[in-house]
N, C-alpha and C. Protein backbone atom coordinates (compact mmCIF):
# COMPACT_ATOMS: atom_id res chain seq x y z
N MET A 1 0.66 -1.07 0.09
CA MET A 1 -0.02 -0.10 -0.16
C MET A 1 0.46 1.37 0.06
N ALA A 2 2.11 0.93 0.24
CA ALA A 2 3.18 2.29 0.25
C ALA A 2 2.71 3.06 -1.25
N GLY A 3 2.91 2.62 -2.10
CA GLY A 3 2.79 3.55 -3.41
C GLY A 3 1.50 4.38 -3.52
N LEU A 4 0.04 3.23 -2.78
CA LEU A 4 -0.77 4.49 -2.93
C LEU A 4 -0.77 5.39 -2.14
N PHE A 5 -0.16 5.00 -0.69
CA PHE A 5 -0.38 6.05 0.18
C PHE A 5 0.32 7.21 -0.35
N ARG A 6 1.71 6.79 -1.24
CA ARG A 6 2.67 8.13 -1.47
C ARG A 6 1.90 9.25 -2.28
N THR A 7 1.33 8.71 -3.14
CA THR A 7 -0.03 9.21 -4.30
C THR A 7 -0.67 10.20 -3.84
N GLN A 8 -1.54 9.59 -2.79
CA GLN A 8 -2.52 10.37 -2.27
C GLN A 8 -1.52 11.20 -1.41
N LEU A 9 -0.52 11.31 -0.84
CA LEU A 9 0.36 12.33 0.19
C LEU A 9 0.54 13.33 -0.95
N ILE A 10 1.14 12.98 -1.93
CA ILE A 10 1.58 14.02 -3.04
C ILE A 10 0.24 15.21 -3.20
N ALA A 11 -1.19 14.39 -3.54
CA ALA A 11 -1.80 14.82 -3.61
C ALA A 11 -2.17 15.97 -2.87
N ASN A 12 -2.48 15.35 -1.30
CA ASN A 12 -2.73 16.25 -0.07
C ASN A 12 -2.15 17.40 -0.26
N ARG A 13 -0.72 17.53 -0.41
CA ARG A 13 0.35 18.53 -0.44
C ARG A 13 -0.21 19.63 -1.05
N ALA A 14 -0.75 19.12 -2.08
CA ALA A 14 -0.73 20.38 -3.26
C ALA A 14 -2.23 20.64 -2.82
N VAL A 15 -3.29 20.23 -2.61
CA VAL A 15 -4.67 20.28 -1.98
C VAL A 15 -4.24 21.60 -0.99
N LEU A 16 -3.56 21.04 0.06
CA LEU A 16 -3.28 21.98 1.20
C LEU A 16 -2.16 22.97 0.90
N ALA A 17 -1.82 23.63 -0.11
CA ALA A 17 -0.91 24.86 -0.80
C ALA A 17 -2.02 25.34 -1.22
N GLN A 18 -2.66 24.94 -2.09
CA GLN A 18 -3.45 25.66 -2.93
C GLN A 18 -4.68 26.16 -1.68
N ALA A 19 -4.85 25.46 -0.64
CA ALA A 19 -5.87 26.03 0.38
C ALA A 19 -5.23 27.23 1.34
N GLY A 20 -3.79 27.39 1.18
CA GLY A 20 -2.92 28.14 1.92
C GLY A 20 -2.29 27.73 3.16
N GLY A 21 -1.87 26.42 3.34
CA GLY A 21 -1.65 25.73 3.85
C GLY A 21 -0.38 26.14 3.92
N VAL A 22 0.55 25.18 5.05
CA VAL A 22 1.99 25.77 5.40
C VAL A 22 3.10 24.78 4.62
N GLU A 23 2.27 24.00 4.09
CA GLU A 23 3.18 23.02 3.30
C GLU A 23 3.77 23.43 1.89
N GLU A 24 4.62 23.45 1.56
CA GLU A 24 4.82 23.73 0.06
C GLU A 24 4.90 22.38 -0.72
N PRO A 25 4.00 22.32 -1.59
CA PRO A 25 4.36 21.05 -2.61
C PRO A 25 5.63 21.29 -3.46
N SER A 26 5.90 19.84 -3.97
CA SER A 26 7.03 19.76 -4.78
C SER A 26 6.17 20.16 -6.46
N ARG A 27 7.56 20.34 -7.14
CA ARG A 27 6.99 20.47 -8.31
C ARG A 27 6.18 19.63 -8.79
N ILE A 28 6.46 17.90 -8.95
CA ILE A 28 5.41 17.04 -9.42
C ILE A 28 4.33 16.93 -8.67
N ALA A 29 4.29 17.63 -7.21
CA ALA A 29 2.96 17.89 -7.16
C ALA A 29 2.00 19.10 -7.41
N ARG A 30 2.32 20.01 -7.94
CA ARG A 30 1.86 21.17 -8.51
C ARG A 30 1.71 20.42 -10.04
N LEU A 31 2.47 19.49 -10.76
CA LEU A 31 2.29 19.26 -12.01
C LEU A 31 1.04 18.60 -12.37
N MET A 32 0.79 17.61 -11.11
CA MET A 32 -0.24 16.58 -10.90
C MET A 32 -1.56 16.94 -10.78
N ALA A 33 -1.55 18.17 -9.92
CA ALA A 33 -2.37 18.93 -9.47
C ALA A 33 -3.05 19.77 -10.29
N ASP A 34 -1.80 20.58 -11.03
CA ASP A 34 -2.56 21.35 -12.52
C ASP A 34 -3.17 20.30 -13.55
N GLY A 35 -2.38 18.98 -13.66
CA GLY A 35 -3.07 18.32 -14.77
C GLY A 35 -4.34 18.00 -14.00
N ASP A 36 -4.50 17.58 -13.50
CA ASP A 36 -5.72 17.23 -12.99
C ASP A 36 -6.76 18.14 -12.86
N ALA A 37 -6.50 19.26 -12.68
CA ALA A 37 -7.39 20.46 -12.68
C ALA A 37 -7.82 20.67 -14.22
N ALA A 38 -7.13 20.74 -14.86
CA ALA A 38 -7.24 20.84 -16.62
C ALA A 38 -8.04 19.97 -16.93
N ARG A 39 -7.61 18.75 -16.60
CA ARG A 39 -8.47 17.31 -17.08
C ARG A 39 -9.88 17.62 -17.12
N ARG A 40 -10.30 17.92 -15.59
CA ARG A 40 -11.61 18.45 -14.96
C ARG A 40 -12.22 19.40 -15.68
N ASP A 41 -11.37 19.96 -16.25
CA ASP A 41 -11.82 21.32 -17.20
C ASP A 41 -12.02 21.13 -18.88
N GLY A 42 -11.80 19.84 -18.53
CA GLY A 42 -11.70 19.59 -20.32
C GLY A 42 -10.62 20.47 -21.27
N ARG A 43 -9.70 20.60 -20.93
CA ARG A 43 -8.58 21.22 -21.33
C ARG A 43 -7.58 19.70 -21.31
N SER A 44 -7.63 19.13 -22.48
CA SER A 44 -6.79 18.22 -22.55
C SER A 44 -5.53 18.33 -22.80
N ALA A 45 -5.39 19.15 -23.89
CA ALA A 45 -3.91 19.64 -23.91
C ALA A 45 -3.16 20.09 -23.01
N ASP A 46 -3.49 21.09 -21.97
CA ASP A 46 -2.60 21.65 -20.97
C ASP A 46 -2.71 20.34 -20.00
N ALA A 47 -3.89 19.40 -19.55
CA ALA A 47 -3.63 18.38 -18.80
C ALA A 47 -2.78 17.38 -19.65
N ARG A 48 -2.55 16.79 -20.68
CA ARG A 48 -1.52 16.35 -21.25
C ARG A 48 0.04 16.61 -21.00
N HIS A 49 0.20 18.20 -21.21
CA HIS A 49 1.27 18.39 -20.93
C HIS A 49 1.70 18.46 -19.57
N CYS A 50 1.31 18.79 -18.54
CA CYS A 50 1.37 19.19 -17.14
C CYS A 50 1.99 17.10 -16.81
N PHE A 51 0.92 16.31 -17.24
CA PHE A 51 1.67 14.91 -16.89
C PHE A 51 2.77 14.37 -17.67
N GLY A 52 2.62 14.84 -19.06
CA GLY A 52 4.11 14.70 -19.73
C GLY A 52 5.26 15.29 -19.11
N GLU A 53 5.41 16.61 -18.27
CA GLU A 53 6.08 17.02 -17.33
C GLU A 53 6.50 16.36 -15.93
N ALA A 54 5.65 15.92 -15.26
CA ALA A 54 5.46 15.06 -14.39
C ALA A 54 6.17 13.53 -14.67
N VAL A 55 5.81 12.97 -15.57
CA VAL A 55 6.20 11.70 -15.96
C VAL A 55 7.75 11.93 -16.21
N HIS A 56 8.71 13.07 -16.76
CA HIS A 56 9.92 13.47 -17.10
C HIS A 56 10.41 13.76 -15.80
N ALA A 57 9.80 14.59 -14.66
CA ALA A 57 10.33 15.06 -13.65
C ALA A 57 10.50 13.61 -12.87
N CYS A 58 9.52 12.73 -12.66
CA CYS A 58 9.48 11.33 -11.84
C CYS A 58 10.62 10.67 -12.48
N ARG A 59 10.72 10.52 -13.62
CA ARG A 59 12.03 9.92 -14.49
C ARG A 59 13.48 10.11 -13.63
N GLU A 60 13.40 11.60 -13.70
CA GLU A 60 14.94 12.15 -13.37
C GLU A 60 15.05 11.86 -11.77
N ASP A 61 14.03 11.67 -11.30
CA ASP A 61 14.42 11.46 -9.39
C ASP A 61 14.18 9.87 -9.26
N GLY A 62 14.34 9.13 -10.01
CA GLY A 62 14.54 7.41 -10.42
C GLY A 62 13.26 7.37 -9.38
N ASP A 63 11.70 7.70 -9.45
CA ASP A 63 10.64 7.27 -8.35
C ASP A 63 10.08 6.72 -9.44
N LEU A 64 9.90 5.20 -9.50
CA LEU A 64 9.01 4.47 -10.58
C LEU A 64 7.83 4.70 -10.71
N ILE A 65 6.94 4.64 -9.10
CA ILE A 65 5.76 4.21 -8.72
C ILE A 65 5.43 6.02 -9.18
N CYS A 66 6.02 7.01 -9.01
CA CYS A 66 5.59 8.05 -9.57
C CYS A 66 5.63 8.31 -10.93
N GLU A 67 6.46 8.15 -11.41
CA GLU A 67 7.02 7.64 -13.09
C GLU A 67 5.25 7.19 -13.63
N ALA A 68 5.15 5.87 -13.03
CA ALA A 68 3.95 5.03 -13.55
C ALA A 68 2.43 5.69 -12.86
N HIS A 69 2.28 6.47 -12.17
CA HIS A 69 1.33 7.05 -11.79
C HIS A 69 1.06 8.09 -12.55
N ALA A 70 2.05 8.86 -13.09
CA ALA A 70 2.08 10.21 -13.94
C ALA A 70 1.78 9.67 -15.31
N LEU A 71 2.05 8.40 -15.87
CA LEU A 71 1.86 7.97 -17.13
C LEU A 71 0.39 7.11 -16.97
N THR A 72 -0.38 6.79 -16.07
CA THR A 72 -1.30 6.45 -16.10
C THR A 72 -2.81 7.93 -16.03
N ARG A 73 -2.26 8.63 -15.48
CA ARG A 73 -2.96 10.11 -16.14
C ARG A 73 -2.65 10.48 -17.64
N CYS A 74 -1.48 10.31 -18.24
CA CYS A 74 -1.38 10.64 -19.48
C CYS A 74 -2.51 9.54 -20.14
N ALA A 75 -2.30 8.53 -19.74
CA ALA A 75 -3.25 7.48 -20.32
C ALA A 75 -4.82 8.04 -20.56
N GLN A 76 -5.29 8.40 -19.38
CA GLN A 76 -6.51 8.76 -18.96
C GLN A 76 -6.90 9.98 -19.89
N VAL A 77 -5.80 10.91 -20.01
CA VAL A 77 -6.25 12.08 -21.04
C VAL A 77 -6.40 11.34 -22.64
N ALA A 78 -5.35 10.41 -22.94
CA ALA A 78 -5.78 9.97 -23.97
C ALA A 78 -6.69 8.91 -24.10
N ARG A 79 -7.47 8.60 -23.33
CA ARG A 79 -8.77 7.90 -23.58
C ARG A 79 -9.87 9.03 -23.86
N ASP A 80 -9.87 10.13 -22.76
CA ASP A 80 -10.68 10.96 -22.91
C ASP A 80 -10.85 11.49 -24.11
N THR A 81 -9.73 11.48 -24.74
CA THR A 81 -9.96 12.04 -26.16
C THR A 81 -10.08 11.12 -27.25
N GLY A 82 -10.49 10.08 -26.89
CA GLY A 82 -10.24 8.69 -28.05
C GLY A 82 -9.43 8.65 -28.72
N ASN A 83 -8.11 8.38 -28.36
CA ASN A 83 -7.22 7.94 -28.92
C ASN A 83 -6.55 7.13 -27.99
N LEU A 84 -7.15 5.31 -28.35
CA LEU A 84 -7.11 4.53 -27.29
C LEU A 84 -5.41 3.79 -27.60
N ASP A 85 -4.88 3.95 -28.74
CA ASP A 85 -3.75 3.53 -28.93
C ASP A 85 -2.36 4.13 -27.77
N TRP A 86 -2.91 5.39 -28.13
CA TRP A 86 -1.78 6.12 -27.13
C TRP A 86 -2.10 5.70 -25.81
N ALA A 87 -3.23 5.85 -25.37
CA ALA A 87 -3.81 5.44 -24.10
C ALA A 87 -3.22 4.16 -23.65
N ILE A 88 -3.39 3.16 -24.43
CA ILE A 88 -2.74 1.89 -24.11
C ILE A 88 -1.15 1.81 -23.86
N HIS A 89 -0.72 2.64 -24.98
CA HIS A 89 0.95 2.81 -24.88
C HIS A 89 1.19 3.15 -23.24
N ASP A 90 0.86 4.26 -23.26
CA ASP A 90 0.93 4.76 -21.66
C ASP A 90 0.86 3.69 -20.93
N GLN A 91 -0.56 3.35 -20.90
CA GLN A 91 -0.83 2.42 -19.83
C GLN A 91 0.22 1.41 -19.66
N GLN A 92 0.76 0.47 -20.68
CA GLN A 92 1.27 -0.32 -20.75
C GLN A 92 2.98 -0.35 -20.02
N GLU A 93 3.35 0.97 -20.32
CA GLU A 93 4.71 1.50 -20.00
C GLU A 93 4.43 1.93 -18.20
N ALA A 94 3.07 2.02 -17.77
CA ALA A 94 2.82 2.58 -16.41
C ALA A 94 2.76 0.74 -15.77
N ILE A 95 1.81 0.04 -16.78
CA ILE A 95 2.29 -1.22 -15.66
C ILE A 95 3.23 -1.60 -15.53
N ALA A 96 4.48 -1.57 -16.71
CA ALA A 96 5.75 -2.25 -16.41
C ALA A 96 6.62 -1.64 -15.47
N LEU A 97 5.96 -0.30 -14.78
CA LEU A 97 7.03 0.50 -13.94
C LEU A 97 6.19 -0.54 -12.44
N TYR A 98 4.58 -0.25 -12.40
CA TYR A 98 4.49 -0.82 -11.34
C TYR A 98 5.07 -2.42 -11.08
N ARG A 99 5.20 -3.33 -12.16
CA ARG A 99 5.69 -4.31 -11.76
C ARG A 99 6.91 -4.49 -11.15
N LYS A 100 7.91 -3.47 -11.68
CA LYS A 100 9.75 -3.67 -11.47
C LYS A 100 9.77 -2.94 -9.98
N ALA A 101 8.67 -1.91 -9.81
CA ALA A 101 8.60 -1.69 -8.39
C ALA A 101 7.62 -2.85 -7.25
N GLY A 102 7.12 -3.44 -7.57
CA GLY A 102 6.62 -4.72 -6.99
C GLY A 102 5.00 -4.02 -5.94
N ALA A 103 4.63 -2.67 -6.91
CA ALA A 103 3.78 -2.35 -6.44
C ALA A 103 2.18 -2.83 -7.04
N GLY A 104 1.85 -3.80 -5.75
CA GLY A 104 0.86 -4.87 -6.20
C GLY A 104 -0.81 -3.72 -6.35
N PRO A 105 -1.24 -3.28 -5.64
CA PRO A 105 -2.66 -2.66 -5.89
C PRO A 105 -2.78 -1.76 -6.90
N GLU A 106 -1.36 -0.68 -6.85
CA GLU A 106 -1.27 -0.11 -8.15
C GLU A 106 -1.31 -1.03 -9.64
N LEU A 107 -0.83 -1.82 -9.56
CA LEU A 107 -0.38 -3.09 -10.35
C LEU A 107 -2.00 -3.38 -10.68
N ALA A 108 -2.60 -4.12 -9.88
CA ALA A 108 -3.77 -4.19 -10.22
C ALA A 108 -5.00 -3.31 -11.21
N HIS A 109 -4.84 -1.91 -10.42
CA HIS A 109 -5.76 -0.85 -10.49
C HIS A 109 -5.36 -0.66 -12.25
N ALA A 110 -3.92 -0.58 -12.51
CA ALA A 110 -3.54 -0.20 -13.80
C ALA A 110 -3.69 -1.37 -14.62
N LEU A 111 -3.97 -2.04 -14.59
CA LEU A 111 -4.20 -3.32 -15.42
C LEU A 111 -5.99 -3.55 -15.90
N ARG A 112 -6.53 -3.32 -14.50
CA ARG A 112 -8.01 -3.17 -14.79
C ARG A 112 -8.41 -1.75 -15.97
N HIS A 113 -7.67 -1.08 -15.72
CA HIS A 113 -7.99 0.15 -16.59
C HIS A 113 -7.44 -0.46 -18.34
N ALA A 114 -6.49 -0.90 -18.27
CA ALA A 114 -5.68 -1.65 -19.44
C ALA A 114 -6.71 -2.70 -20.10
N GLY A 115 -7.21 -3.31 -19.24
CA GLY A 115 -8.25 -4.45 -19.40
C GLY A 115 -9.77 -3.54 -20.41
N GLU A 116 -10.14 -2.70 -19.50
CA GLU A 116 -10.84 -1.89 -20.01
C GLU A 116 -10.78 -1.27 -21.79
N MET A 117 -9.75 -0.59 -21.66
CA MET A 117 -9.35 -0.16 -22.86
C MET A 117 -9.36 -1.09 -24.15
N PHE A 118 -8.80 -2.58 -23.95
CA PHE A 118 -8.33 -3.51 -24.51
C PHE A 118 -10.21 -3.67 -24.84
N LEU A 119 -10.90 -3.78 -24.19
CA LEU A 119 -12.15 -4.37 -24.26
C LEU A 119 -13.21 -3.49 -25.27
N GLU A 120 -12.34 -2.10 -25.01
CA GLU A 120 -13.17 -0.92 -25.67
C GLU A 120 -12.47 -1.32 -27.49
N GLN A 121 -11.53 -1.66 -27.72
CA GLN A 121 -10.93 -1.64 -29.08
C GLN A 121 -11.17 -3.19 -29.59
N GLN A 122 -11.95 -3.98 -28.86
CA GLN A 122 -12.25 -5.59 -29.43
C GLN A 122 -11.44 -6.08 -29.51
N ARG A 123 -10.27 -6.12 -28.70
CA ARG A 123 -8.99 -7.00 -28.35
C ARG A 123 -9.15 -8.10 -27.20
N HIS A 124 -10.06 -8.72 -27.28
CA HIS A 124 -10.67 -9.57 -26.07
C HIS A 124 -9.80 -10.52 -25.56
N ALA A 125 -8.68 -11.05 -26.04
CA ALA A 125 -7.46 -11.64 -25.47
C ALA A 125 -6.56 -11.04 -24.58
N HIS A 126 -6.87 -9.79 -24.95
CA HIS A 126 -5.69 -8.90 -24.38
C HIS A 126 -6.36 -8.27 -22.98
N ALA A 127 -7.61 -8.02 -23.04
CA ALA A 127 -8.69 -7.67 -22.23
C ALA A 127 -8.63 -9.25 -21.01
N ALA A 128 -8.69 -9.96 -21.61
CA ALA A 128 -8.93 -11.39 -20.51
C ALA A 128 -7.67 -11.55 -19.97
N THR A 129 -6.77 -11.12 -20.74
CA THR A 129 -5.51 -11.30 -19.98
C THR A 129 -5.30 -10.26 -18.70
N SER A 130 -5.37 -8.88 -19.02
CA SER A 130 -5.25 -7.72 -17.83
C SER A 130 -5.97 -8.04 -16.90
N LEU A 131 -7.27 -8.16 -17.31
CA LEU A 131 -8.32 -8.09 -16.42
C LEU A 131 -8.44 -9.73 -15.47
N HIS A 132 -7.92 -10.51 -15.69
CA HIS A 132 -8.00 -12.02 -14.75
C HIS A 132 -6.76 -11.82 -13.78
N GLU A 133 -5.63 -11.21 -14.58
CA GLU A 133 -4.23 -10.72 -13.62
C GLU A 133 -4.64 -9.66 -12.53
N ALA A 134 -5.52 -8.56 -12.96
CA ALA A 134 -6.11 -7.50 -11.95
C ALA A 134 -6.83 -8.88 -10.81
N LEU A 135 -8.02 -9.19 -11.36
CA LEU A 135 -8.77 -9.98 -9.97
C LEU A 135 -7.81 -10.92 -9.45
N ASP A 136 -6.88 -11.63 -10.12
CA ASP A 136 -5.77 -12.30 -8.94
C ASP A 136 -5.04 -11.70 -8.16
N LEU A 137 -4.85 -10.10 -8.47
CA LEU A 137 -3.94 -9.53 -7.29
C LEU A 137 -5.24 -8.76 -6.27
N TYR A 138 -6.07 -8.93 -6.92
CA TYR A 138 -7.15 -8.31 -6.03
C TYR A 138 -7.49 -9.30 -4.46
N ARG A 139 -7.53 -10.61 -5.55
CA ARG A 139 -7.95 -11.83 -4.74
C ARG A 139 -6.97 -11.77 -3.36
N ALA A 140 -5.60 -11.82 -3.80
CA ALA A 140 -4.67 -12.08 -3.05
C ALA A 140 -4.23 -10.56 -2.27
N ASP A 141 -5.03 -9.74 -2.03
CA ASP A 141 -4.72 -8.74 -1.05
C ASP A 141 -6.11 -8.56 -0.32
N ALA A 142 -5.79 -8.78 0.93
CA ALA A 142 -6.81 -8.74 1.79
C ALA A 142 -7.07 -7.50 2.29
N GLU A 143 -6.85 -6.36 2.01
CA GLU A 143 -6.77 -4.81 2.19
C GLU A 143 -7.35 -4.11 0.62
N ALA A 144 -7.72 -4.80 -0.03
CA ALA A 144 -7.88 -4.46 -1.40
C ALA A 144 -9.73 -3.79 -1.28
N ALA A 145 -9.67 -2.20 -1.55
CA ALA A 145 -10.90 -1.73 -1.50
C ALA A 145 -12.01 -2.49 -2.16
N PRO A 146 -13.44 -2.69 -1.65
CA PRO A 146 -14.16 -3.45 -2.52
C PRO A 146 -14.72 -2.71 -3.39
N LEU A 147 -14.72 -1.57 -4.06
CA LEU A 147 -15.34 -0.87 -4.71
C LEU A 147 -14.10 -1.46 -6.12
N ASP A 148 -13.03 -1.05 -5.79
CA ASP A 148 -11.82 -1.40 -6.80
C ASP A 148 -12.21 -2.92 -7.30
N VAL A 149 -12.54 -3.71 -6.23
CA VAL A 149 -12.47 -5.27 -6.65
C VAL A 149 -14.20 -5.28 -7.80
N ALA A 150 -14.95 -4.85 -7.21
CA ALA A 150 -16.33 -4.71 -7.87
C ALA A 150 -15.85 -4.18 -9.35
N ASN A 151 -15.32 -3.18 -9.19
CA ASN A 151 -14.64 -2.82 -10.85
C ASN A 151 -14.16 -3.61 -11.51
N ALA A 152 -13.35 -4.31 -10.78
CA ALA A 152 -12.80 -5.22 -12.32
C ALA A 152 -13.77 -6.48 -12.41
N LEU A 153 -14.16 -6.96 -11.41
CA LEU A 153 -15.75 -7.78 -11.81
C LEU A 153 -16.57 -7.28 -12.76
N ARG A 154 -16.51 -6.06 -12.74
CA ARG A 154 -17.61 -5.53 -13.52
C ARG A 154 -17.32 -5.62 -14.94
N ALA A 155 -15.93 -5.35 -15.43
CA ALA A 155 -15.16 -5.19 -16.72
C ALA A 155 -15.18 -6.64 -17.25
N ALA A 156 -14.74 -7.40 -16.12
CA ALA A 156 -14.81 -9.14 -16.83
C ALA A 156 -16.18 -9.52 -16.87
N ALA A 157 -17.25 -8.73 -16.59
CA ALA A 157 -18.54 -9.30 -16.38
C ALA A 157 -18.86 -8.62 -18.08
N LEU A 158 -18.53 -7.73 -18.56
CA LEU A 158 -18.91 -6.86 -19.74
C LEU A 158 -18.22 -7.99 -20.81
N LEU A 159 -16.56 -8.19 -20.73
CA LEU A 159 -16.23 -9.55 -21.44
C LEU A 159 -16.76 -10.48 -21.56
N ALA A 160 -16.84 -10.97 -20.65
CA ALA A 160 -18.09 -12.52 -20.85
C ALA A 160 -19.18 -12.14 -21.67
N GLU A 161 -19.87 -11.01 -21.50
CA GLU A 161 -20.80 -10.81 -22.36
C GLU A 161 -20.51 -10.73 -23.62
N THR A 162 -19.26 -9.77 -24.01
CA THR A 162 -18.75 -9.87 -25.40
C THR A 162 -18.94 -11.19 -26.41
N LEU A 163 -18.10 -12.21 -25.29
CA LEU A 163 -17.55 -13.49 -25.67
C LEU A 163 -18.67 -14.49 -25.80
N ASP A 164 -20.10 -13.75 -25.46
CA ASP A 164 -21.49 -14.81 -24.89
C ASP A 164 -20.76 -15.82 -24.05
N GLU A 165 -20.33 -15.64 -22.91
CA GLU A 165 -20.26 -16.58 -21.99
C GLU A 165 -20.98 -16.31 -20.81
N ARG A 166 -22.08 -16.71 -21.20
CA ARG A 166 -23.24 -16.07 -19.89
C ARG A 166 -23.00 -16.69 -18.63
N ASP A 167 -22.78 -17.69 -18.55
CA ASP A 167 -22.50 -18.12 -17.19
C ASP A 167 -21.40 -17.53 -16.42
N GLU A 168 -20.65 -17.60 -16.88
CA GLU A 168 -19.25 -16.45 -16.57
C GLU A 168 -19.91 -15.08 -16.22
N ALA A 169 -20.43 -14.48 -16.92
CA ALA A 169 -20.69 -13.20 -16.92
C ALA A 169 -22.24 -12.97 -15.70
N ARG A 170 -22.64 -14.24 -15.65
CA ARG A 170 -23.87 -13.80 -14.81
C ARG A 170 -22.95 -14.02 -13.07
N ARG A 171 -21.78 -14.83 -12.98
CA ARG A 171 -21.29 -15.01 -11.77
C ARG A 171 -20.22 -13.99 -11.35
N PHE A 172 -19.55 -13.07 -12.76
CA PHE A 172 -19.22 -11.67 -12.06
C PHE A 172 -20.19 -10.70 -11.85
N TRP A 173 -21.20 -10.61 -12.54
CA TRP A 173 -22.16 -9.68 -12.18
C TRP A 173 -22.88 -10.00 -10.57
N THR A 174 -22.98 -11.37 -10.49
CA THR A 174 -23.54 -11.62 -9.12
C THR A 174 -22.44 -10.94 -7.89
N ASP A 175 -21.29 -11.53 -8.25
CA ASP A 175 -20.41 -10.91 -7.25
C ASP A 175 -19.75 -9.60 -7.10
N ALA A 176 -19.82 -8.96 -8.40
CA ALA A 176 -19.95 -7.17 -8.44
C ALA A 176 -20.90 -6.90 -7.54
N ARG A 177 -21.92 -7.27 -7.70
CA ARG A 177 -23.49 -6.58 -7.08
C ARG A 177 -23.12 -6.65 -5.72
N SER A 178 -22.74 -7.87 -4.98
CA SER A 178 -22.50 -8.25 -4.00
C SER A 178 -21.45 -6.63 -3.09
N LEU A 179 -20.60 -6.75 -3.94
CA LEU A 179 -19.80 -5.78 -3.74
C LEU A 179 -20.40 -3.69 -3.47
N TYR A 180 -20.91 -3.80 -4.79
CA TYR A 180 -21.45 -2.62 -4.94
C TYR A 180 -22.33 -2.33 -3.94
N GLU A 181 -22.93 -3.17 -3.00
CA GLU A 181 -24.29 -2.73 -2.36
C GLU A 181 -23.32 -1.88 -1.29
N SER A 182 -22.74 -2.08 -0.53
CA SER A 182 -22.19 -1.16 0.10
C SER A 182 -21.41 0.07 0.05
N SER A 183 -21.23 0.61 -1.46
CA SER A 183 -20.43 1.69 -1.82
C SER A 183 -20.89 2.44 -3.26
N CYS A 184 -21.52 1.44 -3.95
CA CYS A 184 -22.23 2.51 -5.33
C CYS A 184 -23.41 1.94 -5.60
N GLU A 185 -24.45 2.25 -5.89
CA GLU A 185 -26.30 2.32 -6.02
C GLU A 185 -26.11 2.06 -7.45
N SER A 186 -24.94 2.97 -7.92
CA SER A 186 -25.59 3.08 -9.84
C SER A 186 -24.85 1.27 -9.90
N GLY A 187 -23.87 1.13 -9.58
CA GLY A 187 -23.47 -0.64 -9.60
C GLY A 187 -24.44 -1.38 -9.19
N VAL A 188 -25.39 -1.46 -8.23
CA VAL A 188 -25.89 -2.21 -8.06
C VAL A 188 -27.22 -2.37 -9.58
N VAL A 189 -27.85 -1.29 -9.60
CA VAL A 189 -28.80 -0.98 -10.48
C VAL A 189 -28.05 -1.37 -11.60
N GLU A 190 -27.07 -1.38 -12.31
CA GLU A 190 -26.48 -2.03 -13.72
C GLU A 190 -26.28 -3.38 -13.30
N ALA A 191 -25.93 -3.76 -12.42
CA ALA A 191 -25.56 -5.30 -12.23
C ALA A 191 -27.03 -5.87 -12.15
N ASP A 192 -28.06 -5.50 -11.73
CA ASP A 192 -29.30 -6.09 -11.91
C ASP A 192 -29.83 -5.87 -13.03
N GLN A 193 -30.01 -4.88 -13.85
CA GLN A 193 -30.50 -4.47 -14.99
C GLN A 193 -29.29 -5.71 -16.37
N ARG A 194 -28.29 -5.81 -15.94
CA ARG A 194 -27.30 -6.79 -16.91
C ARG A 194 -27.94 -8.14 -16.35
N LEU A 195 -28.03 -8.63 -15.18
CA LEU A 195 -28.85 -9.81 -14.73
C LEU A 195 -29.88 -10.60 -15.20
N ALA A 196 -30.78 -9.65 -15.49
CA ALA A 196 -32.03 -9.86 -15.69
C ALA A 196 -32.18 -10.19 -17.17
N ALA A 197 -31.07 -9.43 -18.07
CA ALA A 197 -30.91 -9.47 -19.41
C ALA A 197 -30.51 -10.87 -19.58
N LEU A 198 -29.73 -11.13 -18.76
CA LEU A 198 -29.02 -12.82 -19.45
C LEU A 198 -29.88 -13.48 -18.89
N GLY A 199 -31.17 -13.37 -17.75
CA GLY A 199 -31.98 -14.34 -17.85
C GLY A 199 -31.57 -15.47 -16.70
């Protein structure tokens, strides 16, 4: 969980500084915060620039997890703008760095997003590989957030539906629904609709 803690700490420092707090954020924290703000505002080019600068800064510091996190943000911007090829390129670079750093929770999260991107591209074998590894990592992590696991199960269910694997889809949706019950009403509604359609 160290990598996730560090990522949250960077974000918290940036927010604290913007709110007039005492702690001065690092250049990387400012770049990430500015990139997130630009992405929320729909300024994709500005977001891409900030996250790209963050990637280079993290690389210069030799911080693998920081670099990987910035790359996932680059991938999100590319995905927002419909450039799935570039999004997957950045996401796979991030996955390789998370593997090298031994960052299990971050790796699982990145794999789930990669699986969703592959599914959007109808690259089903790649989607299956990414999603099943993500689920294996989540199942091995007693501290995995239920919402993260549910989202991975949802993606696996959508893949199973696409492949007409109805029994698998039902199983994944049922498991996802039970986890969504505690944190995501819209997830429960979607799961119920999908299960009803599957019969």
